Amino acid sequence: MSTAADIRIALDLPDEESQALAQFVKRVTWSAMRECAVDEAECYQIRAAINKLQSALADAGYAPR
């Protein structure tokens, strides 16, 4: 059985886009994620990825209240 390895994604964004993205991932709702997912399991995966993105943005100084 094959397991997926973690990957690193490097991304350069202007300040305004970083702030907007941080606001978006803070505000996106479960319902919006569920609409884009094929099933509930994928929705949980999307939420987990968004949580990691929020952490990376916060580490870079973009953590909206």
Protein backbone atom coordinates (compact mmCIF):
# COMPACT_ATOMS: atom_id res chain seq x y z
CA MET A 1 0.00 0.00 0.00
CA SER A 2 1.38 3.39 -1.03
CA THR A 3 1.30 6.36 1.32
CA ALA A 4 1.40 9.96 0.19
CA ALA A 5 4.44 11.99 1.15
CA ASP A 6 4.20 15.56 2.36
CA ILE A 7 5.13 18.13 -0.24
CA ARG A 8 6.43 21.67 0.16
CA ILE A 9 4.89 24.44 -1.91
CA ALA A 10 6.82 27.70 -2.24
CA LEU A 11 4.71 30.74 -3.02
CA ASP A 12 5.56 34.41 -3.44
CA LEU A 13 2.64 36.80 -2.99
CA PRO A 14 2.44 40.58 -2.72
CA ASP A 15 1.43 41.94 0.69
CA GLU A 16 -2.12 42.77 -0.45
CA GLU A 17 -2.72 39.26 -1.81
CA SER A 18 -1.30 37.66 1.32
CA GLN A 19 -3.62 39.72 3.51
CA ALA A 20 -6.62 38.96 1.28
CA LEU A 21 -5.84 35.24 1.28
CA ALA A 22 -5.52 35.24 5.07
CA GLN A 23 -8.91 36.94 5.33
CA PHE A 24 -10.46 34.45 2.91
CA VAL A 25 -9.24 31.33 4.68
CA LYS A 26 -10.42 32.81 7.96
CA ARG A 27 -13.91 33.43 6.57
CA VAL A 28 -14.52 30.41 4.33
CA THR A 29 -17.32 28.30 5.74
CA TRP A 30 -17.80 24.58 6.05
CA SER A 31 -20.77 24.90 3.69
CA ALA A 32 -18.64 26.52 0.99
CA MET A 33 -15.97 23.85 1.36
CA ARG A 34 -18.60 21.10 1.27
CA GLU A 35 -20.07 22.49 -1.95
CA CYS A 36 -16.64 22.14 -3.61
CA ALA A 37 -15.85 18.68 -2.22
CA VAL A 38 -16.95 15.40 -3.75
CA ASP A 39 -17.85 14.02 -0.33
CA GLU A 40 -17.55 14.77 3.37
CA ALA A 41 -14.18 13.00 3.67
CA GLU A 42 -12.70 15.30 1.04
CA CYS A 43 -14.22 18.28 2.83
CA TYR A 44 -12.32 17.31 5.98
CA GLN A 45 -9.13 17.10 3.90
CA ILE A 46 -9.79 20.56 2.47
CA ARG A 47 -10.35 21.92 5.99
CA ALA A 48 -7.09 20.36 7.19
CA ALA A 49 -5.20 21.92 4.27
CA ILE A 50 -6.78 25.32 4.95
CA ASN A 51 -5.74 25.05 8.61
CA LYS A 52 -2.14 24.46 7.50
CA LEU A 53 -2.35 27.40 5.10
CA GLN A 54 -3.67 29.61 7.91
CA SER A 55 -0.74 28.57 10.09
CA ALA A 56 1.77 29.33 7.33
CA LEU A 57 0.21 32.73 6.74
CA ALA A 58 0.25 33.46 10.47
CA ASP A 59 3.93 32.48 10.65
CA ALA A 60 4.57 35.01 7.86
CA GLY A 61 2.74 37.71 9.81
CA TYR A 62 -0.74 37.43 8.24
CA ALA A 63 -3.11 36.38 11.01
CA PRO A 64 -6.33 38.40 10.81
CA ARG A 65 -8.41 38.66 13.94
